[in-house]
Amino acid sequence: MVTALDVARLFLNWSYKNGDLITNLRIQKLLYYAQAWYLVNYNRRLFNDPIEAWDLGPVIRSVYKKYKKYGGEPIPYKTNNKEETVFQPHQIHFLGEYFKIYSNLSATALVSLSHSETPWKNAHKRGKNSEINTQEMKAFYANQYKEKYG
């Protein structure tokens, strides 16, 4: 299984290739939604790292620690051209399709979106930095998909 940091590196690589810059805040939300939609589509986790409900939305602590030194500035990234090698082909396909949609959203938009949704709200109510339940994520986003697409 890949780690959240593997996915973060892949997203950073793709962003830089597209001339986009990503902050730690934005990468956190992109990882959260990648996990959510992977759960819906494949009925299993993309990565095992826990996702916590912080004040500014979902956060994967291991990725946060890796990039926190950049604060609110874009994370500098230099590709090793091997980011995709840790993924299975279906994961690259899924993440590529997902990234086309969600990478267009700003950090602020992603924070607002996560704050309006039940999985983050429920975990945040339980206490600062509480883990967001992946089964709740799967149920919530599967229901959103069903409501939108039938």
C-alpha atoms as a PDB file:
ATOM      1  CA  MET A   1       0.000   0.000   0.000  1.00  0.00           C
ATOM      2  CA  VAL A   2       1.175   3.498  -0.762  1.00  0.00           C
ATOM      3  CA  THR A   3       1.535   6.179   1.901  1.00  0.00           C
ATOM      4  CA  ALA A   4      -0.020   9.616   2.025  1.00  0.00           C
ATOM      5  CA  LEU A   5       3.465  11.014   1.432  1.00  0.00           C
ATOM      6  CA  ASP A   6       3.720   8.977  -1.792  1.00  0.00           C
ATOM      7  CA  VAL A   7       0.461  10.541  -2.982  1.00  0.00           C
ATOM      8  CA  ALA A   8       1.623  14.003  -1.905  1.00  0.00           C
ATOM      9  CA  ARG A   9       4.830  13.625  -3.926  1.00  0.00           C
ATOM     10  CA  LEU A  10       2.841  12.509  -6.957  1.00  0.00           C
ATOM     11  CA  PHE A  11       0.534  15.530  -6.678  1.00  0.00           C
ATOM     12  CA  LEU A  12       3.481  17.886  -6.196  1.00  0.00           C
ATOM     13  CA  ASN A  13       5.175  16.404  -9.257  1.00  0.00           C
ATOM     14  CA  TRP A  14       2.068  16.775 -11.417  1.00  0.00           C
ATOM     15  CA  SER A  15       1.467  20.309 -10.137  1.00  0.00           C
ATOM     16  CA  TYR A  16       4.959  21.489 -10.928  1.00  0.00           C
ATOM     17  CA  LYS A  17       4.793  19.914 -14.388  1.00  0.00           C
ATOM     18  CA  ASN A  18       1.591  21.927 -14.946  1.00  0.00           C
ATOM     19  CA  GLY A  19       3.156  25.156 -13.646  1.00  0.00           C
ATOM     20  CA  ASP A  20       1.039  25.103 -10.477  1.00  0.00           C
ATOM     21  CA  LEU A  21       2.220  25.546  -6.894  1.00  0.00           C
ATOM     22  CA  ILE A  22       0.811  23.775  -3.858  1.00  0.00           C
ATOM     23  CA  THR A  23       0.935  24.781  -0.200  1.00  0.00           C
ATOM     24  CA  ASN A  24       0.812  22.378   2.732  1.00  0.00           C
ATOM     25  CA  LEU A  25      -2.768  23.465   3.430  1.00  0.00           C
ATOM     26  CA  ARG A  26      -3.853  22.633  -0.108  1.00  0.00           C
ATOM     27  CA  ILE A  27      -2.013  19.309  -0.315  1.00  0.00           C
ATOM     28  CA  GLN A  28      -3.744  18.199   2.894  1.00  0.00           C
ATOM     29  CA  LYS A  29      -7.184  18.739   1.411  1.00  0.00           C
ATOM     30  CA  LEU A  30      -6.230  17.131  -1.896  1.00  0.00           C
ATOM     31  CA  LEU A  31      -5.082  14.050   0.025  1.00  0.00           C
ATOM     32  CA  TYR A  32      -8.285  13.946   2.053  1.00  0.00           C
ATOM     33  CA  TYR A  33     -10.521  14.014  -0.999  1.00  0.00           C
ATOM     34  CA  ALA A  34      -8.319  11.493  -2.830  1.00  0.00           C
ATOM     35  CA  GLN A  35      -8.801   9.120   0.108  1.00  0.00           C
ATOM     36  CA  ALA A  36     -12.542   9.794   0.233  1.00  0.00           C
ATOM     37  CA  TRP A  37     -13.165   9.116  -3.449  1.00  0.00           C
ATOM     38  CA  TYR A  38     -10.841   6.117  -3.501  1.00  0.00           C
ATOM     39  CA  LEU A  39     -12.903   4.622  -0.670  1.00  0.00           C
ATOM     40  CA  VAL A  40     -16.068   5.178  -2.699  1.00  0.00           C
ATOM     41  CA  ASN A  41     -14.638   3.778  -5.932  1.00  0.00           C
ATOM     42  CA  TYR A  42     -12.576   0.849  -4.626  1.00  0.00           C
ATOM     43  CA  ASN A  43     -14.073   0.089  -1.209  1.00  0.00           C
ATOM     44  CA  ARG A  44     -10.644   0.295   0.433  1.00  0.00           C
ATOM     45  CA  ARG A  45      -8.174   2.906   1.588  1.00  0.00           C
ATOM     46  CA  LEU A  46      -5.664   4.438  -0.785  1.00  0.00           C
ATOM     47  CA  PHE A  47      -3.266   4.912   2.153  1.00  0.00           C
ATOM     48  CA  ASN A  48      -3.364   3.906   5.828  1.00  0.00           C
ATOM     49  CA  ASP A  49      -2.220   7.216   7.331  1.00  0.00           C
ATOM     50  CA  PRO A  50      -4.910   8.567   9.655  1.00  0.00           C
ATOM     51  CA  ILE A  51      -6.638  11.811   8.718  1.00  0.00           C
ATOM     52  CA  GLU A  52      -7.280  14.209  11.586  1.00  0.00           C
ATOM     53  CA  ALA A  53      -9.845  16.989  11.908  1.00  0.00           C
ATOM     54  CA  TRP A  54      -7.791  20.118  12.524  1.00  0.00           C
ATOM     55  CA  ASP A  55      -9.221  23.629  12.701  1.00  0.00           C
ATOM     56  CA  LEU A  56      -8.421  24.308   9.036  1.00  0.00           C
ATOM     57  CA  GLY A  57      -9.818  20.988   7.853  1.00  0.00           C
ATOM     58  CA  PRO A  58      -8.519  17.468   7.338  1.00  0.00           C
ATOM     59  CA  VAL A  59      -4.800  16.877   7.920  1.00  0.00           C
ATOM     60  CA  ILE A  60      -2.456  13.917   7.585  1.00  0.00           C
ATOM     61  CA  ARG A  61       0.055  14.552  10.342  1.00  0.00           C
ATOM     62  CA  SER A  62       2.999  12.777   8.645  1.00  0.00           C
ATOM     63  CA  VAL A  63       2.655  14.932   5.521  1.00  0.00           C
ATOM     64  CA  TYR A  64       2.092  18.059   7.586  1.00  0.00           C
ATOM     65  CA  LYS A  65       5.343  17.455   9.507  1.00  0.00           C
ATOM     66  CA  LYS A  66       7.277  16.868   6.285  1.00  0.00           C
ATOM     67  CA  TYR A  67       6.198  20.197   4.749  1.00  0.00           C
ATOM     68  CA  LYS A  68       5.391  22.436   7.745  1.00  0.00           C
ATOM     69  CA  LYS A  69       8.669  24.353   7.389  1.00  0.00           C
ATOM     70  CA  TYR A  70       7.212  26.051   4.304  1.00  0.00           C
ATOM     71  CA  GLY A  71       4.326  27.550   6.263  1.00  0.00           C
ATOM     72  CA  GLY A  72       1.789  29.070   3.895  1.00  0.00           C
ATOM     73  CA  GLU A  73       4.266  29.257   1.021  1.00  0.00           C
ATOM     74  CA  PRO A  74       4.268  26.830  -1.914  1.00  0.00           C
ATOM     75  CA  ILE A  75       6.186  23.624  -1.295  1.00  0.00           C
ATOM     76  CA  PRO A  76       9.302  23.543  -3.481  1.00  0.00           C
ATOM     77  CA  TYR A  77       9.549  20.239  -5.280  1.00  0.00           C
ATOM     78  CA  LYS A  78      12.151  18.615  -7.467  1.00  0.00           C
ATOM     79  CA  THR A  79      10.990  15.503  -9.290  1.00  0.00           C
ATOM     80  CA  ASN A  80      12.928  12.280  -9.257  1.00  0.00           C
ATOM     81  CA  ASN A  81      10.803  11.032 -12.180  1.00  0.00           C
ATOM     82  CA  LYS A  82       9.949   7.946 -10.120  1.00  0.00           C
ATOM     83  CA  GLU A  83       6.883   9.238  -8.278  1.00  0.00           C
ATOM     84  CA  GLU A  84       4.509   6.998 -10.250  1.00  0.00           C
ATOM     85  CA  THR A  85       6.501   3.780  -9.772  1.00  0.00           C
ATOM     86  CA  VAL A  86       5.066   3.015  -6.311  1.00  0.00           C
ATOM     87  CA  PHE A  87       1.492   2.994  -7.630  1.00  0.00           C
ATOM     88  CA  GLN A  88      -0.517   0.333  -9.401  1.00  0.00           C
ATOM     89  CA  PRO A  89      -1.832   1.293 -12.878  1.00  0.00           C
ATOM     90  CA  HIS A  90      -5.432   1.625 -11.665  1.00  0.00           C
ATOM     91  CA  GLN A  91      -4.259   3.984  -8.896  1.00  0.00           C
ATOM     92  CA  ILE A  92      -2.432   6.226 -11.374  1.00  0.00           C
ATOM     93  CA  HIS A  93      -5.524   6.285 -13.582  1.00  0.00           C
ATOM     94  CA  PHE A  94      -7.818   7.095 -10.658  1.00  0.00           C
ATOM     95  CA  LEU A  95      -5.503   9.738  -9.201  1.00  0.00           C
ATOM     96  CA  GLY A  96      -4.991  11.343 -12.608  1.00  0.00           C
ATOM     97  CA  GLU A  97      -8.742  11.674 -13.174  1.00  0.00           C
ATOM     98  CA  TYR A  98      -9.289  12.877  -9.617  1.00  0.00           C
ATOM     99  CA  PHE A  99      -6.436  15.391  -9.845  1.00  0.00           C
ATOM    100  CA  LYS A 100      -7.866  16.963 -13.016  1.00  0.00           C
ATOM    101  CA  ILE A 101     -10.985  17.895 -11.050  1.00  0.00           C
ATOM    102  CA  TYR A 102      -9.738  18.771  -7.574  1.00  0.00           C
ATOM    103  CA  SER A 103      -6.421  20.430  -8.428  1.00  0.00           C
ATOM    104  CA  ASN A 104      -8.354  23.380  -9.860  1.00  0.00           C
ATOM    105  CA  LEU A 105      -9.714  24.220  -6.401  1.00  0.00           C
ATOM    106  CA  SER A 106      -7.850  26.650  -4.159  1.00  0.00           C
ATOM    107  CA  ALA A 107      -6.835  25.831  -0.604  1.00  0.00           C
ATOM    108  CA  THR A 108      -9.544  28.189   0.657  1.00  0.00           C
ATOM    109  CA  ALA A 109     -12.223  26.502  -1.444  1.00  0.00           C
ATOM    110  CA  LEU A 110     -11.106  23.067  -0.251  1.00  0.00           C
ATOM    111  CA  VAL A 111     -11.132  24.181   3.397  1.00  0.00           C
ATOM    112  CA  SER A 112     -14.648  25.630   2.999  1.00  0.00           C
ATOM    113  CA  LEU A 113     -15.833  22.472   1.290  1.00  0.00           C
ATOM    114  CA  SER A 114     -14.446  20.161   3.982  1.00  0.00           C
ATOM    115  CA  HIS A 115     -15.883  22.364   6.749  1.00  0.00           C
ATOM    116  CA  SER A 116     -19.353  22.033   5.246  1.00  0.00           C
ATOM    117  CA  GLU A 117     -19.293  18.235   5.241  1.00  0.00           C
ATOM    118  CA  THR A 118     -20.260  15.715   7.902  1.00  0.00           C
ATOM    119  CA  PRO A 119     -17.061  13.619   8.238  1.00  0.00           C
ATOM    120  CA  TRP A 120     -14.885  16.591   9.244  1.00  0.00           C
ATOM    121  CA  LYS A 121     -17.660  18.202  11.330  1.00  0.00           C
ATOM    122  CA  ASN A 122     -18.294  15.045  13.360  1.00  0.00           C
ATOM    123  CA  ALA A 123     -14.614  14.385  14.025  1.00  0.00           C
ATOM    124  CA  HIS A 124     -13.977  18.023  14.935  1.00  0.00           C
ATOM    125  CA  LYS A 125     -16.893  17.946  17.402  1.00  0.00           C
ATOM    126  CA  ARG A 126     -15.261  14.964  19.160  1.00  0.00           C
ATOM    127  CA  GLY A 127     -12.213  17.082  19.877  1.00  0.00           C
ATOM    128  CA  LYS A 128      -9.384  18.948  18.252  1.00  0.00           C
ATOM    129  CA  ASN A 129      -7.286  16.713  15.975  1.00  0.00           C
ATOM    130  CA  SER A 130      -9.659  13.729  16.296  1.00  0.00           C
ATOM    131  CA  GLU A 131      -9.335  11.103  13.589  1.00  0.00           C
ATOM    132  CA  ILE A 132     -11.878  11.271  10.773  1.00  0.00           C
ATOM    133  CA  ASN A 133     -13.600   7.903  10.431  1.00  0.00           C
ATOM    134  CA  THR A 134     -12.986   6.396   6.983  1.00  0.00           C
ATOM    135  CA  GLN A 135     -16.243   4.416   7.024  1.00  0.00           C
ATOM    136  CA  GLU A 136     -18.101   7.660   7.633  1.00  0.00           C
ATOM    137  CA  MET A 137     -16.152   9.257   4.782  1.00  0.00           C
ATOM    138  CA  LYS A 138     -17.058   6.415   2.449  1.00  0.00           C
ATOM    139  CA  ALA A 139     -20.753   6.532   3.359  1.00  0.00           C
ATOM    140  CA  PHE A 140     -20.972  10.314   3.090  1.00  0.00           C
ATOM    141  CA  TYR A 141     -19.245  10.622  -0.287  1.00  0.00           C
ATOM    142  CA  ALA A 142     -20.999   7.563  -1.735  1.00  0.00           C
ATOM    143  CA  ASN A 143     -24.279   9.237  -0.809  1.00  0.00           C
ATOM    144  CA  GLN A 144     -23.132  12.492  -2.438  1.00  0.00           C
ATOM    145  CA  TYR A 145     -22.294  10.587  -5.606  1.00  0.00           C
ATOM    146  CA  LYS A 146     -25.681   8.832  -5.553  1.00  0.00           C
ATOM    147  CA  GLU A 147     -27.530  12.135  -5.077  1.00  0.00           C
ATOM    148  CA  LYS A 148     -25.674  13.770  -7.957  1.00  0.00           C
ATOM    149  CA  TYR A 149     -25.549  10.916 -10.458  1.00  0.00           C
ATOM    150  CA  GLY A 150     -28.289   8.540  -9.318  1.00  0.00           C
END
